[in-house]
PDB file of N, CA and C in Angstrom:
ATOM      1  N   MET A   1     -82.137-135.905-113.908  1.00  0.00           N
ATOM      2  CA  MET A   1     -83.489-135.505-113.604  1.00  0.00           C
ATOM      3  C   MET A   1     -83.998-134.589-114.725  1.00  0.00           C
ATOM      4  N   LYS A   2     -85.218-134.858-115.162  1.00  0.00           N
ATOM      5  CA  LYS A   2     -85.793-134.106-116.266  1.00  0.00           C
ATOM      6  C   LYS A   2     -86.396-132.807-115.749  1.00  0.00           C
ATOM      7  N   LYS A   3     -86.167-131.734-116.488  1.00  0.00           N
ATOM      8  CA  LYS A   3     -86.682-130.420-116.103  1.00  0.00           C
ATOM      9  C   LYS A   3     -88.121-130.272-116.623  1.00  0.00           C
ATOM     10  N   VAL A   4     -89.020-129.833-115.743  1.00  0.00           N
ATOM     11  CA  VAL A   4     -90.421-129.653-116.117  1.00  0.00           C
ATOM     12  C   VAL A   4     -90.644-128.190-116.462  1.00  0.00           C
ATOM     13  N   LEU A   5     -91.203-127.955-117.636  1.00  0.00           N
ATOM     14  CA  LEU A   5     -91.501-126.589-118.067  1.00  0.00           C
ATOM     15  C   LEU A   5     -92.991-126.315-117.879  1.00  0.00           C
ATOM     16  N   TYR A   6     -93.283-125.230-117.221  1.00  0.00           N
ATOM     17  CA  TYR A   6     -94.681-124.850-116.975  1.00  0.00           C
ATOM     18  C   TYR A   6     -95.047-123.716-117.911  1.00  0.00           C
ATOM     19  N   THR A   7     -95.867-124.009-118.860  1.00  0.00           N
ATOM     20  CA  THR A   7     -96.301-122.970-119.799  1.00  0.00           C
ATOM     21  C   THR A   7     -97.759-123.180-120.156  1.00  0.00           C
ATOM     22  N   ASN A   8     -98.346-122.142-120.668  1.00  0.00           N
ATOM     23  CA  ASN A   8     -99.723-122.170-121.174  1.00  0.00           C
ATOM     24  C   ASN A   8    -100.748-122.607-120.137  1.00  0.00           C
ATOM     25  N   PHE A   9    -100.581-122.148-118.912  1.00  0.00           N
ATOM     26  CA  PHE A   9    -101.589-122.425-117.900  1.00  0.00           C
ATOM     27  C   PHE A   9    -102.811-121.549-118.151  1.00  0.00           C
ATOM     28  N   VAL A  10    -103.952-122.079-117.859  1.00  0.00           N
ATOM     29  CA  VAL A  10    -105.202-121.338-118.007  1.00  0.00           C
ATOM     30  C   VAL A  10    -105.662-120.934-116.620  1.00  0.00           C
ATOM     31  N   SER A  11    -106.014-119.659-116.472  1.00  0.00           N
ATOM     32  CA  SER A  11    -106.434-119.182-115.152  1.00  0.00           C
ATOM     33  C   SER A  11    -107.844-119.675-114.825  1.00  0.00           C
ATOM     34  N   THR A  12    -108.152-119.668-113.558  1.00  0.00           N
ATOM     35  CA  THR A  12    -109.476-120.091-113.106  1.00  0.00           C
ATOM     36  C   THR A  12    -110.556-119.212-113.715  1.00  0.00           C
ATOM     37  N   GLU A  13    -110.285-117.923-113.807  1.00  0.00           N
ATOM     38  CA  GLU A  13    -111.262-116.986-114.387  1.00  0.00           C
ATOM     39  C   GLU A  13    -111.589-117.354-115.830  1.00  0.00           C
ATOM     40  N   GLU A  14    -110.555-117.754-116.575  1.00  0.00           N
ATOM     41  CA  GLU A  14    -110.770-118.138-117.974  1.00  0.00           C
ATOM     42  C   GLU A  14    -111.603-119.418-118.073  1.00  0.00           C
ATOM     43  N   ILE A  15    -111.348-120.358-117.185  1.00  0.00           N
ATOM     44  CA  ILE A  15    -112.107-121.614-117.185  1.00  0.00           C
ATOM     45  C   ILE A  15    -113.572-121.341-116.874  1.00  0.00           C
ATOM     46  N   ILE A  16    -113.822-120.515-115.860  1.00  0.00           N
ATOM     47  CA  ILE A  16    -115.201-120.182-115.488  1.00  0.00           C
ATOM     48  C   ILE A  16    -115.890-119.419-116.609  1.00  0.00           C
ATOM     49  N   ALA A  17    -115.187-118.476-117.225  1.00  0.00           N
ATOM     50  CA  ALA A  17    -115.766-117.718-118.342  1.00  0.00           C
ATOM     51  C   ALA A  17    -116.143-118.652-119.489  1.00  0.00           C
ATOM     52  N   ASP A  18    -115.277-119.620-119.777  1.00  0.00           N
ATOM     53  CA  ASP A  18    -115.586-120.586-120.832  1.00  0.00           C
ATOM     54  C   ASP A  18    -116.796-121.439-120.474  1.00  0.00           C
ATOM     55  N   MET A  19    -116.886-121.836-119.209  1.00  0.00           N
ATOM     56  CA  MET A  19    -118.033-122.644-118.765  1.00  0.00           C
ATOM     57  C   MET A  19    -119.331-121.859-118.883  1.00  0.00           C
ATOM     58  N   LEU A  20    -119.285-120.573-118.550  1.00  0.00           N
ATOM     59  CA  LEU A  20    -120.499-119.761-118.598  1.00  0.00           C
ATOM     60  C   LEU A  20    -120.949-119.460-120.022  1.00  0.00           C
ATOM     61  N   GLU A  21    -120.102-119.744-120.986  1.00  0.00           N
ATOM     62  CA  GLU A  21    -120.507-119.606-122.386  1.00  0.00           C
ATOM     63  C   GLU A  21    -121.471-120.728-122.780  1.00  0.00           C
ATOM     64  N   ASP A  22    -121.411-121.843-122.064  1.00  0.00           N
ATOM     65  CA  ASP A  22    -122.312-122.967-122.321  1.00  0.00           C
ATOM     66  C   ASP A  22    -123.723-122.549-121.914  1.00  0.00           C
ATOM     67  N   LYS A  23    -124.635-122.629-122.848  1.00  0.00           N
ATOM     68  CA  LYS A  23    -126.009-122.174-122.636  1.00  0.00           C
ATOM     69  C   LYS A  23    -126.691-122.882-121.466  1.00  0.00           C
ATOM     70  N   ASP A  24    -126.512-124.186-121.351  1.00  0.00           N
ATOM     71  CA  ASP A  24    -127.162-124.960-120.289  1.00  0.00           C
ATOM     72  C   ASP A  24    -126.614-124.599-118.909  1.00  0.00           C
ATOM     73  N   ILE A  25    -125.311-124.401-118.814  1.00  0.00           N
ATOM     74  CA  ILE A  25    -124.717-124.023-117.527  1.00  0.00           C
ATOM     75  C   ILE A  25    -125.172-122.628-117.134  1.00  0.00           C
ATOM     76  N   LYS A  26    -125.207-121.728-118.086  1.00  0.00           N
ATOM     77  CA  LYS A  26    -125.652-120.352-117.819  1.00  0.00           C
ATOM     78  C   LYS A  26    -127.099-120.348-117.313  1.00  0.00           C
ATOM     79  N   LYS A  27    -127.943-121.159-117.939  1.00  0.00           N
ATOM     80  CA  LYS A  27    -129.344-121.259-117.531  1.00  0.00           C
ATOM     81  C   LYS A  27    -129.457-121.829-116.115  1.00  0.00           C
ATOM     82  N   ALA A  28    -128.658-122.842-115.806  1.00  0.00           N
ATOM     83  CA  ALA A  28    -128.693-123.459-114.479  1.00  0.00           C
ATOM     84  C   ALA A  28    -128.239-122.482-113.398  1.00  0.00           C
ATOM     85  N   VAL A  29    -127.210-121.699-113.679  1.00  0.00           N
ATOM     86  CA  VAL A  29    -126.723-120.709-112.711  1.00  0.00           C
ATOM     87  C   VAL A  29    -127.776-119.632-112.483  1.00  0.00           C
ATOM     88  N   THR A  30    -128.412-119.180-113.544  1.00  0.00           N
ATOM     89  CA  THR A  30    -129.451-118.149-113.431  1.00  0.00           C
ATOM     90  C   THR A  30    -130.622-118.657-112.611  1.00  0.00           C
ATOM     91  N   ARG A  31    -131.061-119.876-112.872  1.00  0.00           N
ATOM     92  CA  ARG A  31    -132.169-120.455-112.104  1.00  0.00           C
ATOM     93  C   ARG A  31    -131.785-120.639-110.648  1.00  0.00           C
ATOM     94  N   SER A  32    -130.582-121.065-110.405  1.00  0.00           N
ATOM     95  CA  SER A  32    -130.109-121.230-109.026  1.00  0.00           C
ATOM     96  C   SER A  32    -130.152-119.900-108.278  1.00  0.00           C
ATOM     97  N   ASN A  33    -129.757-118.834-108.954  1.00  0.00           N
ATOM     98  CA  ASN A  33    -129.821-117.508-108.331  1.00  0.00           C
ATOM     99  C   ASN A  33    -131.258-117.113-108.029  1.00  0.00           C
ATOM    100  N   LEU A  34    -132.172-117.422-108.933  1.00  0.00           N
ATOM    101  CA  LEU A  34    -133.587-117.121-108.693  1.00  0.00           C
ATOM    102  C   LEU A  34    -134.104-117.908-107.497  1.00  0.00           C
ATOM    103  N   TYR A  35    -133.744-119.164-107.394  1.00  0.00           N
ATOM    104  CA  TYR A  35    -134.221-120.019-106.311  1.00  0.00           C
ATOM    105  C   TYR A  35    -133.794-119.492-104.941  1.00  0.00           C
ATOM    106  N   LYS A  36    -132.683-118.789-104.890  1.00  0.00           N
ATOM    107  CA  LYS A  36    -132.211-118.227-103.623  1.00  0.00           C
ATOM    108  C   LYS A  36    -133.164-117.163-103.077  1.00  0.00           C
ATOM    109  N   PHE A  37    -133.956-116.552-103.953  1.00  0.00           N
ATOM    110  CA  PHE A  37    -134.877-115.495-103.535  1.00  0.00           C
ATOM    111  C   PHE A  37    -136.260-116.028-103.161  1.00  0.00           C
ATOM    112  N   TRP A  38    -136.457-117.329-103.241  1.00  0.00           N
ATOM    113  CA  TRP A  38    -137.771-117.903-102.964  1.00  0.00           C
ATOM    114  C   TRP A  38    -138.273-117.542-101.571  1.00  0.00           C
ATOM    115  N   SER A  39    -137.415-117.624-100.571  1.00  0.00           N
ATOM    116  CA  SER A  39    -137.852-117.365 -99.191  1.00  0.00           C
ATOM    117  C   SER A  39    -138.349-115.934 -99.026  1.00  0.00           C
ATOM    118  N   LYS A  40    -137.792-114.997 -99.772  1.00  0.00           N
ATOM    119  CA  LYS A  40    -138.251-113.608 -99.685  1.00  0.00           C
ATOM    120  C   LYS A  40    -139.630-113.456-100.321  1.00  0.00           C
ATOM    121  N   ALA A  41    -139.870-114.172-101.394  1.00  0.00           N
ATOM    122  CA  ALA A  41    -141.159-114.081-102.077  1.00  0.00           C
ATOM    123  C   ALA A  41    -142.245-114.847-101.332  1.00  0.00           C
ATOM    124  N   ALA A  42    -141.901-116.016-100.791  1.00  0.00           N
ATOM    125  CA  ALA A  42    -142.894-116.850-100.116  1.00  0.00           C
ATOM    126  C   ALA A  42    -143.170-116.371 -98.698  1.00  0.00           C
ATOM    127  N   GLY A  43    -142.195-115.726 -98.081  1.00  0.00           N
ATOM    128  CA  GLY A  43    -142.357-115.270 -96.706  1.00  0.00           C
ATOM    129  C   GLY A  43    -141.782-116.270 -95.713  1.00  0.00           C
ATOM    130  N   GLU A  44    -141.531-115.794 -94.511  1.00  0.00           N
ATOM    131  CA  GLU A  44    -140.914-116.624 -93.468  1.00  0.00           C
ATOM    132  C   GLU A  44    -141.727-117.878 -93.151  1.00  0.00           C
ATOM    133  N   LYS A  45    -143.037-117.720 -93.127  1.00  0.00           N
ATOM    134  CA  LYS A  45    -143.913-118.836 -92.765  1.00  0.00           C
ATOM    135  C   LYS A  45    -143.720-120.048 -93.694  1.00  0.00           C
ATOM    136  N   PHE A  46    -143.471-119.779 -94.959  1.00  0.00           N
ATOM    137  CA  PHE A  46    -143.385-120.859 -95.945  1.00  0.00           C
ATOM    138  C   PHE A  46    -141.963-121.138 -96.428  1.00  0.00           C
ATOM    139  N   ALA A  47    -140.999-120.389 -95.963  1.00  0.00           N
ATOM    140  CA  ALA A  47    -139.610-120.546 -96.434  1.00  0.00           C
ATOM    141  C   ALA A  47    -139.063-121.944 -96.162  1.00  0.00           C
ATOM    142  N   ASP A  48    -139.387-122.513 -95.005  1.00  0.00           N
ATOM    143  CA  ASP A  48    -138.889-123.843 -94.659  1.00  0.00           C
ATOM    144  C   ASP A  48    -139.821-124.967 -95.099  1.00  0.00           C
ATOM    145  N   LYS A  49    -141.004-124.618 -95.546  1.00  0.00           N
ATOM    146  CA  LYS A  49    -141.993-125.630 -95.910  1.00  0.00           C
ATOM    147  C   LYS A  49    -142.170-125.772 -97.417  1.00  0.00           C
ATOM    148  N   SER A  50    -141.423-124.970 -98.177  1.00  0.00           N
ATOM    149  CA  SER A  50    -141.503-125.039 -99.633  1.00  0.00           C
ATOM    150  C   SER A  50    -140.170-124.609-100.220  1.00  0.00           C
ATOM    151  N   LYS A  51    -139.893-125.113-101.423  1.00  0.00           N
ATOM    152  CA  LYS A  51    -138.667-124.714-102.105  1.00  0.00           C
ATOM    153  C   LYS A  51    -138.821-124.953-103.599  1.00  0.00           C
ATOM    154  N   PRO A  52    -138.197-124.123-104.403  1.00  0.00           N
ATOM    155  CA  PRO A  52    -138.270-124.319-105.853  1.00  0.00           C
ATOM    156  C   PRO A  52    -137.695-125.677-106.225  1.00  0.00           C
ATOM    157  N   TYR A  53    -138.358-126.332-107.149  1.00  0.00           N
ATOM    158  CA  TYR A  53    -137.950-127.679-107.543  1.00  0.00           C
ATOM    159  C   TYR A  53    -137.391-127.700-108.975  1.00  0.00           C
ATOM    160  N   SER A  54    -138.141-127.076-109.897  1.00  0.00           N
ATOM    161  CA  SER A  54    -137.699-127.083-111.296  1.00  0.00           C
ATOM    162  C   SER A  54    -138.477-126.039-112.085  1.00  0.00           C
ATOM    163  N   MET A  55    -138.128-125.937-113.353  1.00  0.00           N
ATOM    164  CA  MET A  55    -138.843-125.056-114.268  1.00  0.00           C
ATOM    165  C   MET A  55    -139.415-125.908-115.399  1.00  0.00           C
ATOM    166  N   LEU A  56    -140.645-125.626-115.748  1.00  0.00           N
ATOM    167  CA  LEU A  56    -141.280-126.296-116.876  1.00  0.00           C
ATOM    168  C   LEU A  56    -141.320-125.332-118.051  1.00  0.00           C
ATOM    169  N   GLY A  57    -141.556-125.865-119.222  1.00  0.00           N
ATOM    170  CA  GLY A  57    -141.696-125.024-120.399  1.00  0.00           C
ATOM    171  C   GLY A  57    -142.859-124.053-120.241  1.00  0.00           C
ATOM    172  N   GLY A  58    -142.754-122.929-120.898  1.00  0.00           N
ATOM    173  CA  GLY A  58    -143.823-121.947-120.828  1.00  0.00           C
ATOM    174  C   GLY A  58    -143.741-121.050-119.610  1.00  0.00           C
ATOM    175  N   GLY A  59    -142.641-121.120-118.878  1.00  0.00           N
ATOM    176  CA  GLY A  59    -142.454-120.225-117.744  1.00  0.00           C
ATOM    177  C   GLY A  59    -143.166-120.631-116.469  1.00  0.00           C
ATOM    178  N   THR A  60    -143.304-121.916-116.236  1.00  0.00           N
ATOM    179  CA  THR A  60    -143.929-122.407-115.009  1.00  0.00           C
ATOM    180  C   THR A  60    -142.843-122.918-114.056  1.00  0.00           C
ATOM    181  N   MET A  61    -142.829-122.377-112.855  1.00  0.00           N
ATOM    182  CA  MET A  61    -141.873-122.815-111.845  1.00  0.00           C
ATOM    183  C   MET A  61    -142.587-123.780-110.905  1.00  0.00           C
ATOM    184  N   VAL A  62    -142.000-124.963-110.731  1.00  0.00           N
ATOM    185  CA  VAL A  62    -142.565-125.988-109.854  1.00  0.00           C
ATOM    186  C   VAL A  62    -141.972-125.789-108.456  1.00  0.00           C
ATOM    187  N   ILE A  63    -142.856-125.740-107.472  1.00  0.00           N
ATOM    188  CA  ILE A  63    -142.455-125.542-106.083  1.00  0.00           C
ATOM    189  C   ILE A  63    -142.800-126.803-105.303  1.00  0.00           C
ATOM    190  N   ALA A  64    -141.791-127.411-104.682  1.00  0.00           N
ATOM    191  CA  ALA A  64    -142.019-128.573-103.829  1.00  0.00           C
ATOM    192  C   ALA A  64    -142.538-128.078-102.481  1.00  0.00           C
ATOM    193  N   CYS A  65    -143.590-128.696-101.992  1.00  0.00           N
ATOM    194  CA  CYS A  65    -144.207-128.280-100.730  1.00  0.00           C
ATOM    195  C   CYS A  65    -144.188-129.445 -99.740  1.00  0.00           C
ATOM    196  N   GLU A  66    -144.057-129.088 -98.467  1.00  0.00           N
ATOM    197  CA  GLU A  66    -143.965-130.093 -97.421  1.00  0.00           C
ATOM    198  C   GLU A  66    -145.197-130.995 -97.365  1.00  0.00           C
ATOM    199  N   ASN A  67    -146.371-130.417 -97.598  1.00  0.00           N
ATOM    200  CA  ASN A  67    -147.610-131.199 -97.594  1.00  0.00           C
ATOM    201  C   ASN A  67    -148.673-130.465 -98.403  1.00  0.00           C
ATOM    202  N   ALA A  68    -149.840-131.092 -98.541  1.00  0.00           N
ATOM    203  CA  ALA A  68    -150.914-130.521 -99.353  1.00  0.00           C
ATOM    204  C   ALA A  68    -151.470-129.230 -98.760  1.00  0.00           C
ATOM    205  N   ILE A  69    -151.413-129.085 -97.453  1.00  0.00           N
ATOM    206  CA  ILE A  69    -151.917-127.868 -96.812  1.00  0.00           C
ATOM    207  C   ILE A  69    -151.052-126.673 -97.205  1.00  0.00           C
ATOM    208  N   VAL A  70    -149.746-126.864 -97.176  1.00  0.00           N
ATOM    209  CA  VAL A  70    -148.828-125.795 -97.585  1.00  0.00           C
ATOM    210  C   VAL A  70    -149.059-125.455 -99.051  1.00  0.00           C
ATOM    211  N   ALA A  71    -149.222-126.474 -99.882  1.00  0.00           N
ATOM    212  CA  ALA A  71    -149.467-126.251-101.308  1.00  0.00           C
ATOM    213  C   ALA A  71    -150.740-125.436-101.519  1.00  0.00           C
ATOM    214  N   GLN A  72    -151.790-125.754-100.769  1.00  0.00           N
ATOM    215  CA  GLN A  72    -153.055-125.027-100.900  1.00  0.00           C
ATOM    216  C   GLN A  72    -152.908-123.576-100.461  1.00  0.00           C
ATOM    217  N   GLU A  73    -152.241-123.344 -99.347  1.00  0.00           N
ATOM    218  CA  GLU A  73    -152.052-121.971 -98.868  1.00  0.00           C
ATOM    219  C   GLU A  73    -151.230-121.154 -99.859  1.00  0.00           C
ATOM    220  N   LEU A  74    -150.183-121.763-100.406  1.00  0.00           N
ATOM    221  CA  LEU A  74    -149.369-121.051-101.390  1.00  0.00           C
ATOM    222  C   LEU A  74    -150.161-120.785-102.676  1.00  0.00           C
ATOM    223  N   MET A  75    -151.014-121.718-103.036  1.00  0.00           N
ATOM    224  CA  MET A  75    -151.858-121.523-104.224  1.00  0.00           C
ATOM    225  C   MET A  75    -152.736-120.282-104.058  1.00  0.00           C
ATOM    226  N   LEU A  76    -153.248-120.090-102.848  1.00  0.00           N
ATOM    227  CA  LEU A  76    -154.084-118.921-102.588  1.00  0.00           C
ATOM    228  C   LEU A  76    -153.286-117.615-102.638  1.00  0.00           C
ATOM    229  N   LYS A  77    -151.977-117.707-102.400  1.00  0.00           N
ATOM    230  CA  LYS A  77    -151.112-116.529-102.415  1.00  0.00           C
ATOM    231  C   LYS A  77    -150.309-116.404-103.712  1.00  0.00           C
ATOM    232  N   LYS A  78    -150.638-117.206-104.704  1.00  0.00           N
ATOM    233  CA  LYS A  78    -149.841-117.272-105.926  1.00  0.00           C
ATOM    234  C   LYS A  78    -149.634-115.907-106.585  1.00  0.00           C
ATOM    235  N   THR A  79    -150.684-115.132-106.728  1.00  0.00           N
ATOM    236  CA  THR A  79    -150.573-113.822-107.377  1.00  0.00           C
ATOM    237  C   THR A  79    -149.633-112.908-106.601  1.00  0.00           C
ATOM    238  N   GLN A  80    -149.762-112.897-105.282  1.00  0.00           N
ATOM    239  CA  GLN A  80    -148.885-112.062-104.452  1.00  0.00           C
ATOM    240  C   GLN A  80    -147.431-112.506-104.570  1.00  0.00           C
ATOM    241  N   ILE A  81    -147.200-113.803-104.610  1.00  0.00           N
ATOM    242  CA  ILE A  81    -145.839-114.323-104.725  1.00  0.00           C
ATOM    243  C   ILE A  81    -145.226-113.940-106.072  1.00  0.00           C
ATOM    244  N   LEU A  82    -146.010-114.047-107.138  1.00  0.00           N
ATOM    245  CA  LEU A  82    -145.505-113.669-108.463  1.00  0.00           C
ATOM    246  C   LEU A  82    -145.132-112.189-108.510  1.00  0.00           C
ATOM    247  N   VAL A  83    -145.920-111.351-107.846  1.00  0.00           N
ATOM    248  CA  VAL A  83    -145.613-109.915-107.791  1.00  0.00           C
ATOM    249  C   VAL A  83    -144.306-109.685-107.036  1.00  0.00           C
ATOM    250  N   LYS A  84    -144.118-110.404-105.925  1.00  0.00           N
ATOM    251  CA  LYS A  84    -142.885-110.257-105.144  1.00  0.00           C
ATOM    252  C   LYS A  84    -141.661-110.777-105.896  1.00  0.00           C
ATOM    253  N   LEU A  85    -141.860-111.749-106.764  1.00  0.00           N
ATOM    254  CA  LEU A  85    -140.749-112.304-107.546  1.00  0.00           C
ATOM    255  C   LEU A  85    -140.325-111.415-108.716  1.00  0.00           C
ATOM    256  N   GLN A  86    -141.211-110.525-109.166  1.00  0.00           N
ATOM    257  CA  GLN A  86    -140.956-109.735-110.371  1.00  0.00           C
ATOM    258  C   GLN A  86    -139.617-108.995-110.385  1.00  0.00           C
ATOM    259  N   PRO A  87    -139.222-108.278-109.322  1.00  0.00           N
ATOM    260  CA  PRO A  87    -137.920-107.585-109.385  1.00  0.00           C
ATOM    261  C   PRO A  87    -136.751-108.543-109.612  1.00  0.00           C
ATOM    262  N   TYR A  88    -136.807-109.713-109.001  1.00  0.00           N
ATOM    263  CA  TYR A  88    -135.742-110.701-109.167  1.00  0.00           C
ATOM    264  C   TYR A  88    -135.768-111.284-110.576  1.00  0.00           C
ATOM    265  N   LEU A  89    -136.966-111.534-111.093  1.00  0.00           N
ATOM    266  CA  LEU A  89    -137.106-112.072-112.441  1.00  0.00           C
ATOM    267  C   LEU A  89    -136.559-111.098-113.472  1.00  0.00           C
ATOM    268  N   LYS A  90    -136.864-109.815-113.295  1.00  0.00           N
ATOM    269  CA  LYS A  90    -136.381-108.802-114.241  1.00  0.00           C
ATOM    270  C   LYS A  90    -134.864-108.698-114.200  1.00  0.00           C
ATOM    271  N   SER A  91    -134.284-108.700-112.994  1.00  0.00           N
ATOM    272  CA  SER A  91    -132.829-108.558-112.892  1.00  0.00           C
ATOM    273  C   SER A  91    -132.093-109.765-113.470  1.00  0.00           C
ATOM    274  N   LEU A  92    -132.698-110.945-113.387  1.00  0.00           N
ATOM    275  CA  LEU A  92    -132.076-112.156-113.925  1.00  0.00           C
ATOM    276  C   LEU A  92    -132.509-112.461-115.359  1.00  0.00           C
ATOM    277  N   ASN A  93    -133.447-111.653-115.872  1.00  0.00           N
ATOM    278  CA  ASN A  93    -133.982-111.820-117.222  1.00  0.00           C
ATOM    279  C   ASN A  93    -134.601-113.206-117.423  1.00  0.00           C
ATOM    280  N   ILE A  94    -135.464-113.572-116.470  1.00  0.00           N
ATOM    281  CA  ILE A  94    -136.188-114.844-116.530  1.00  0.00           C
ATOM    282  C   ILE A  94    -137.681-114.530-116.569  1.00  0.00           C
ATOM    283  N   LYS A  95    -138.415-115.333-117.319  1.00  0.00           N
ATOM    284  CA  LYS A  95    -139.862-115.156-117.382  1.00  0.00           C
ATOM    285  C   LYS A  95    -140.546-116.309-116.658  1.00  0.00           C
ATOM    286  N   VAL A  96    -141.242-115.986-115.593  1.00  0.00           N
ATOM    287  CA  VAL A  96    -142.051-116.970-114.865  1.00  0.00           C
ATOM    288  C   VAL A  96    -143.481-116.440-114.902  1.00  0.00           C
ATOM    289  N   LYS A  97    -144.357-117.205-115.545  1.00  0.00           N
ATOM    290  CA  LYS A  97    -145.748-116.791-115.697  1.00  0.00           C
ATOM    291  C   LYS A  97    -146.669-117.479-114.704  1.00  0.00           C
ATOM    292  N   ASP A  98    -146.234-118.642-114.205  1.00  0.00           N
ATOM    293  CA  ASP A  98    -147.119-119.414-113.341  1.00  0.00           C
ATOM    294  C   ASP A  98    -146.287-120.189-112.316  1.00  0.00           C
ATOM    295  N   LEU A  99    -146.929-120.550-111.227  1.00  0.00           N
ATOM    296  CA  LEU A  99    -146.315-121.366-110.185  1.00  0.00           C
ATOM    297  C   LEU A  99    -147.160-122.617-110.003  1.00  0.00           C
ATOM    298  N   LYS A 100    -146.506-123.753-109.910  1.00  0.00           N
ATOM    299  CA  LYS A 100    -147.200-125.023-109.667  1.00  0.00           C
ATOM    300  C   LYS A 100    -146.687-125.563-108.340  1.00  0.00           C
ATOM    301  N   PHE A 101    -147.577-125.802-107.408  1.00  0.00           N
ATOM    302  CA  PHE A 101    -147.207-126.266-106.078  1.00  0.00           C
ATOM    303  C   PHE A 101    -147.472-127.764-105.991  1.00  0.00           C
ATOM    304  N   ASP A 102    -146.421-128.528-105.684  1.00  0.00           N
ATOM    305  CA  ASP A 102    -146.520-129.984-105.733  1.00  0.00           C
ATOM    306  C   ASP A 102    -145.940-130.625-104.472  1.00  0.00           C
ATOM    307  N   PRO A 103    -146.810-131.148-103.605  1.00  0.00           N
ATOM    308  CA  PRO A 103    -146.301-131.807-102.385  1.00  0.00           C
ATOM    309  C   PRO A 103    -145.586-133.133-102.683  1.00  0.00           C
ATOM    310  N   LYS A 104    -145.813-133.726-103.829  1.00  0.00           N
ATOM    311  CA  LYS A 104    -145.176-135.003-104.186  1.00  0.00           C
ATOM    312  C   LYS A 104    -143.676-134.836-104.442  1.00  0.00           C
ATOM    313  N   LYS A 105    -143.250-133.621-104.739  1.00  0.00           N
ATOM    314  CA  LYS A 105    -141.838-133.378-105.050  1.00  0.00           C
ATOM    315  C   LYS A 105    -140.988-133.116-103.801  1.00  0.00           C
ATOM    316  N   TRP A 106    -141.629-133.015-102.641  1.00  0.00           N
ATOM    317  CA  TRP A 106    -140.909-132.695-101.404  1.00  0.00           C
ATOM    318  C   TRP A 106    -139.991-133.842-101.009  1.00  0.00           C
ATOM    319  N   GLN A 107    -138.767-133.485-100.655  1.00  0.00           N
ATOM    320  CA  GLN A 107    -137.802-134.479-100.187  1.00  0.00           C
ATOM    321  C   GLN A 107    -137.306-134.050 -98.816  1.00  0.00           C
ATOM    322  N   PHE A 108    -137.419-134.947 -97.862  1.00  0.00           N
ATOM    323  CA  PHE A 108    -136.931-134.643 -96.518  1.00  0.00           C
ATOM    324  C   PHE A 108    -135.423-134.830 -96.503  1.00  0.00           C
ATOM    325  N   ASP A 109    -134.746-133.901 -95.860  1.00  0.00           N
ATOM    326  CA  ASP A 109    -133.276-133.959 -95.806  1.00  0.00           C
ATOM    327  C   ASP A 109    -132.775-134.933 -94.792  1.00  0.00           C
TER     328      ASP A 109
END
């Protein structure tokens, strides 16, 4: 029977650290963390009827909305939502200048 030698194992922490060095993965993790705060910025009324969808160039965050009525109401509250997002944006070092509300991006689970 052949003896198996176990050497040069890489720890999970090292693998994760290496992955986070990748610029695209780091950006995706940061955006995911920002998306978790959406319900606090949008409020309880809109937390289940809207969700962050993607980021566009120039600092525009696209928000998927359940329907056009939700999109319109959120549009009217856009300035207030951006103000509520500011502490999270600063802590994550992300710049969001505008919000785009799009009912076409909504996907039912």
